[in-house]
Amino acid sequence: MLLHEQLMSLPHWLRGKGPAPAGLKPERLAVYQELVNNNIASFIDVTFPITRSLLSEALWLELKQQFVCKAYCHSPFFYDISRQFMDWVLSLEHSELVNLPWLAELLHVEWMELAVELAPDVATSKPSPSINLYQGGDPLIAPAVPVWVLAYQWPVHRWHKDHSDFEHSPTFLLVYRHQETLSSMQAELTASEACLWDILVNNQSEGMHFSELLTRCSALLPEALALTEPQAKSCLERRQLEGLALSIC
């Protein structure tokens, strides 16, 4: 068998869709198969430790094995394996998964830690070290680090290994990269705060003047939830103290 034919037949064999390549010793093929499976499994396990702990060991192993056999990854980057595993699992109509309404959100919030780590730096002016920048004037504000506003139907970011309280509770979450430690950070938000940050994040590239930010937020919220100017300032200052760097001009 030609080398090209061996290389073409090898992935089919690994997926269980064809015979082993001719001319290769079974013990060598076994080593290669173990390396491939272990490498893929390690990327998945390290990204989704909570999900793994909440599913049965047999089901988790089955999902990883079926992913290798049936899924088609279109990205050449190893760090995309976890995202593609998540997308593939959520496309399944598996009898043991259909009764887990929180699964998509738990997978997503765990994957976000990797997304935060890999997100490109934000091209803004130098972050301001001061938190007293909202006293007077109308500063132009923009996040200086990667940041997301997420809405979940379940408080999945609080869950841990062996978690058992699957209570439905809509949650707004601010996820960002800490300016100094570069670690992934999470903060729960009220609906009003989520609106404020969502507007700011969606205008991250050009920034937004504080007055416009407050006006647009007030237009979207019912009167009972509208933020006053001091409340909006406090919201921004508090997150800045917690490591969410802001560029303020």
Protein backbone atom coordinates (compact mmCIF):
# COMPACT_ATOMS: atom_id res chain seq x y z
CA MET A 1 0.00 0.00 0.00
CA LEU A 2 1.27 3.47 -0.91
CA LEU A 3 1.92 6.00 1.83
CA HIS A 4 -0.89 8.20 0.52
CA GLU A 5 -3.33 5.30 0.71
CA GLN A 6 -2.20 4.48 4.25
CA LEU A 7 -2.73 8.07 5.34
CA MET A 8 -6.18 8.19 3.77
CA SER A 9 -7.28 4.90 5.31
CA LEU A 10 -5.98 5.69 8.80
CA PRO A 11 -8.69 8.23 9.81
CA HIS A 12 -11.41 5.95 8.46
CA TRP A 13 -10.08 3.16 10.64
CA LEU A 14 -9.88 5.45 13.67
CA ARG A 15 -13.53 6.34 13.16
CA GLY A 16 -14.49 2.68 12.84
CA LYS A 17 -15.48 3.09 9.21
CA GLY A 18 -12.91 0.94 7.51
CA PRO A 19 -10.22 -1.71 7.91
CA ALA A 20 -6.86 -1.00 9.47
CA PRO A 21 -4.26 0.30 7.01
CA ALA A 22 -2.26 -2.52 5.47
CA GLY A 23 1.42 -2.75 6.27
CA LEU A 24 1.16 -1.29 9.77
CA LYS A 25 1.62 -3.44 12.84
CA PRO A 26 -1.45 -3.73 15.10
CA GLU A 27 0.52 -2.74 18.20
CA ARG A 28 1.67 0.48 16.52
CA LEU A 29 -1.85 1.27 15.38
CA ALA A 30 -3.08 0.70 18.93
CA VAL A 31 -0.56 3.21 20.30
CA TYR A 32 -1.58 5.80 17.70
CA GLN A 33 -5.27 5.23 18.42
CA GLU A 34 -4.71 5.69 22.14
CA LEU A 35 -2.76 8.91 21.59
CA VAL A 36 -5.44 10.40 19.35
CA ASN A 37 -8.29 9.50 21.69
CA ASN A 38 -6.44 10.66 24.81
CA ASN A 39 -5.45 13.99 23.26
CA ILE A 40 -8.97 14.80 22.14
CA ALA A 41 -10.43 13.61 25.46
CA SER A 42 -8.00 15.76 27.44
CA PHE A 43 -9.10 18.95 25.66
CA ILE A 44 -12.74 18.10 26.35
CA ASP A 45 -12.27 17.04 29.99
CA VAL A 46 -10.29 20.11 30.98
CA THR A 47 -12.86 22.47 29.43
CA PHE A 48 -16.02 20.87 30.87
CA PRO A 49 -15.17 19.49 34.34
CA ILE A 50 -18.56 20.36 35.87
CA THR A 51 -20.57 18.88 33.02
CA ARG A 52 -18.43 15.77 33.20
CA SER A 53 -19.11 15.39 36.92
CA LEU A 54 -22.88 15.75 36.50
CA LEU A 55 -23.21 13.15 33.76
CA SER A 56 -22.60 9.47 34.31
CA GLU A 57 -19.09 8.27 33.59
CA ALA A 58 -20.43 5.85 30.96
CA LEU A 59 -22.37 8.60 29.15
CA TRP A 60 -19.43 11.00 29.16
CA LEU A 61 -17.13 8.33 27.74
CA GLU A 62 -19.72 7.43 25.11
CA LEU A 63 -20.06 11.06 24.01
CA LYS A 64 -16.30 11.47 23.61
CA GLN A 65 -15.99 8.21 21.67
CA GLN A 66 -18.89 9.06 19.38
CA PHE A 67 -17.44 12.53 18.84
CA VAL A 68 -14.23 10.97 17.52
CA CYS A 69 -16.16 8.55 15.33
CA LYS A 70 -18.93 10.75 13.97
CA ALA A 71 -18.13 14.44 14.27
CA TYR A 72 -16.30 16.42 11.64
CA CYS A 73 -14.12 19.25 12.92
CA HIS A 74 -13.53 22.00 10.42
CA SER A 75 -10.94 23.97 12.38
CA PRO A 76 -7.25 23.02 12.34
CA PHE A 77 -6.68 24.44 15.82
CA PHE A 78 -6.59 22.13 18.83
CA TYR A 79 -8.22 24.73 21.07
CA ASP A 80 -11.34 24.58 18.87
CA ILE A 81 -11.92 20.93 19.75
CA SER A 82 -13.88 21.87 22.89
CA ARG A 83 -16.17 24.30 21.08
CA GLN A 84 -16.84 21.78 18.33
CA PHE A 85 -17.55 19.08 20.92
CA MET A 86 -20.06 21.39 22.60
CA ASP A 87 -21.80 22.17 19.30
CA TRP A 88 -21.87 18.48 18.36
CA VAL A 89 -23.33 17.35 21.70
CA LEU A 90 -26.06 19.97 21.49
CA SER A 91 -27.00 18.77 18.00
CA LEU A 92 -27.71 15.25 19.29
CA GLU A 93 -31.11 13.80 20.12
CA HIS A 94 -29.70 11.55 22.78
CA SER A 95 -32.21 9.90 25.12
CA GLU A 96 -30.14 10.75 28.20
CA LEU A 97 -29.60 14.37 27.23
CA VAL A 98 -33.06 15.51 26.18
CA ASN A 99 -34.16 15.69 29.83
CA LEU A 100 -31.33 18.05 30.79
CA PRO A 101 -32.69 21.52 29.88
CA TRP A 102 -29.70 23.20 31.49
CA LEU A 103 -27.04 21.30 29.53
CA ALA A 104 -26.54 23.88 26.76
CA GLU A 105 -26.00 26.69 29.25
CA LEU A 106 -23.66 24.70 31.47
CA LEU A 107 -21.51 23.69 28.51
CA HIS A 108 -21.47 27.28 27.30
CA VAL A 109 -20.50 28.89 30.60
CA GLU A 110 -17.66 26.38 31.01
CA TRP A 111 -16.47 26.96 27.45
CA MET A 112 -16.48 30.72 28.06
CA GLU A 113 -13.44 30.35 30.32
CA LEU A 114 -11.46 29.17 27.33
CA ALA A 115 -13.03 31.82 25.10
CA VAL A 116 -11.92 34.55 27.52
CA GLU A 117 -8.39 33.19 27.59
CA LEU A 118 -8.11 33.05 23.79
CA ALA A 119 -9.93 36.28 22.94
CA PRO A 120 -7.78 38.86 21.12
CA ASP A 121 -6.77 41.95 23.02
CA VAL A 122 -9.04 44.95 22.70
CA ALA A 123 -7.50 47.77 20.70
CA THR A 124 -8.28 50.82 22.82
CA SER A 125 -6.36 53.59 24.46
CA LYS A 126 -4.54 52.82 27.69
CA PRO A 127 -6.89 51.84 30.54
CA SER A 128 -7.35 54.44 33.21
CA PRO A 129 -6.07 53.42 36.65
CA SER A 130 -8.39 55.82 38.48
CA ILE A 131 -11.93 55.07 39.59
CA ASN A 132 -12.84 58.72 40.15
CA LEU A 133 -13.33 59.61 36.51
CA TYR A 134 -17.05 60.22 36.49
CA GLN A 135 -16.98 63.38 38.56
CA GLY A 136 -18.12 66.02 36.14
CA GLY A 137 -17.71 66.14 32.38
CA ASP A 138 -18.98 63.58 29.90
CA PRO A 139 -16.18 61.03 29.40
CA LEU A 140 -15.94 58.65 26.45
CA ILE A 141 -15.97 55.13 27.90
CA ALA A 142 -15.04 51.76 26.41
CA PRO A 143 -14.04 48.39 27.88
CA ALA A 144 -10.28 47.89 27.57
CA VAL A 145 -10.47 44.08 27.96
CA PRO A 146 -12.55 41.36 26.26
CA VAL A 147 -15.99 41.32 27.90
CA TRP A 148 -19.37 39.65 27.33
CA VAL A 149 -22.87 40.06 28.76
CA LEU A 150 -24.64 36.68 28.96
CA ALA A 151 -28.21 35.73 29.80
CA TYR A 152 -28.97 32.24 31.12
CA GLN A 153 -32.16 30.57 32.32
CA TRP A 154 -30.19 28.61 34.92
CA PRO A 155 -27.54 29.87 37.40
CA VAL A 156 -25.00 27.50 35.83
CA HIS A 157 -21.99 29.63 36.78
CA ARG A 158 -22.60 28.73 40.45
CA TRP A 159 -22.71 25.01 39.88
CA HIS A 160 -19.92 22.73 41.03
CA LYS A 161 -18.96 19.08 40.94
CA ASP A 162 -21.68 16.89 42.48
CA HIS A 163 -24.15 19.77 42.24
CA SER A 164 -27.72 18.65 42.89
CA ASP A 165 -29.90 21.78 43.12
CA PHE A 166 -31.08 22.33 39.54
CA GLU A 167 -33.44 25.20 40.28
CA HIS A 168 -34.50 27.37 37.35
CA SER A 169 -33.40 30.97 37.93
CA PRO A 170 -32.86 33.47 35.07
CA THR A 171 -29.43 35.05 35.42
CA PHE A 172 -27.46 37.86 33.80
CA LEU A 173 -23.71 37.41 33.83
CA LEU A 174 -20.79 39.69 33.04
CA VAL A 175 -17.73 37.74 31.86
CA TYR A 176 -14.40 39.46 31.23
CA ARG A 177 -10.64 39.11 31.34
CA HIS A 178 -9.01 40.63 34.40
CA GLN A 179 -6.65 43.41 33.37
CA GLU A 180 -3.75 42.31 35.60
CA THR A 181 -4.12 38.57 36.20
CA LEU A 182 -5.52 37.83 32.70
CA SER A 183 -7.85 35.30 34.33
CA SER A 184 -11.52 34.82 33.46
CA MET A 185 -13.84 36.73 35.78
CA GLN A 186 -17.60 36.46 36.30
CA ALA A 187 -20.05 38.80 37.99
CA GLU A 188 -23.81 38.50 38.37
CA LEU A 189 -25.78 41.49 37.13
CA THR A 190 -29.22 42.88 37.73
CA ALA A 191 -31.38 43.38 34.65
CA SER A 192 -30.61 47.11 34.78
CA GLU A 193 -26.86 46.55 34.99
CA ALA A 194 -27.04 43.99 32.18
CA CYS A 195 -28.72 46.55 29.94
CA LEU A 196 -26.05 49.16 30.72
CA TRP A 197 -23.16 46.80 30.05
CA ASP A 198 -24.74 45.28 26.95
CA ILE A 199 -24.99 48.72 25.35
CA LEU A 200 -21.40 49.52 26.28
CA VAL A 201 -20.04 46.18 25.04
CA ASN A 202 -21.89 46.48 21.73
CA ASN A 203 -20.23 49.85 21.20
CA GLN A 204 -16.81 48.77 22.41
CA SER A 205 -14.86 49.63 19.27
CA GLU A 206 -15.83 53.32 19.19
CA GLY A 207 -16.73 53.86 22.84
CA MET A 208 -19.69 55.82 24.17
CA HIS A 209 -20.10 59.03 26.10
CA PHE A 210 -21.51 58.48 29.55
CA SER A 211 -24.53 60.71 28.93
CA GLU A 212 -25.47 58.77 25.78
CA LEU A 213 -24.97 55.47 27.57
CA LEU A 214 -27.35 56.53 30.34
CA THR A 215 -29.92 57.88 27.86
CA ARG A 216 -29.98 54.73 25.76
CA CYS A 217 -30.17 52.52 28.82
CA SER A 218 -33.12 54.52 30.19
CA ALA A 219 -34.92 54.25 26.84
CA LEU A 220 -34.72 50.45 26.91
CA LEU A 221 -35.69 49.87 30.53
CA PRO A 222 -39.10 50.31 32.17
CA GLU A 223 -39.25 53.25 34.52
CA ALA A 224 -39.10 51.02 37.59
CA LEU A 225 -35.76 49.57 36.47
CA ALA A 226 -34.14 52.72 35.06
CA LEU A 227 -30.75 53.63 36.51
CA THR A 228 -30.08 57.05 37.96
CA GLU A 229 -26.85 58.78 37.06
CA PRO A 230 -25.22 57.94 40.44
CA GLN A 231 -26.31 54.32 40.13
CA ALA A 232 -24.85 54.00 36.64
CA LYS A 233 -21.58 55.57 37.75
CA SER A 234 -21.40 53.27 40.75
CA CYS A 235 -22.00 50.26 38.50
CA LEU A 236 -19.06 51.19 36.26
CA GLU A 237 -16.77 52.07 39.14
CA ARG A 238 -17.50 48.84 41.01
CA ARG A 239 -16.60 46.64 38.05
CA GLN A 240 -13.49 48.72 37.42
CA LEU A 241 -12.40 48.03 40.99
CA GLU A 242 -12.97 44.31 40.37
CA GLY A 243 -10.52 44.28 37.46
CA LEU A 244 -12.64 45.17 34.44
CA ALA A 245 -10.38 47.78 32.91
CA LEU A 246 -12.04 50.71 31.20
CA SER A 247 -10.60 53.20 28.75
CA ILE A 248 -11.91 56.64 29.62
CA CYS A 249 -11.15 59.79 27.63
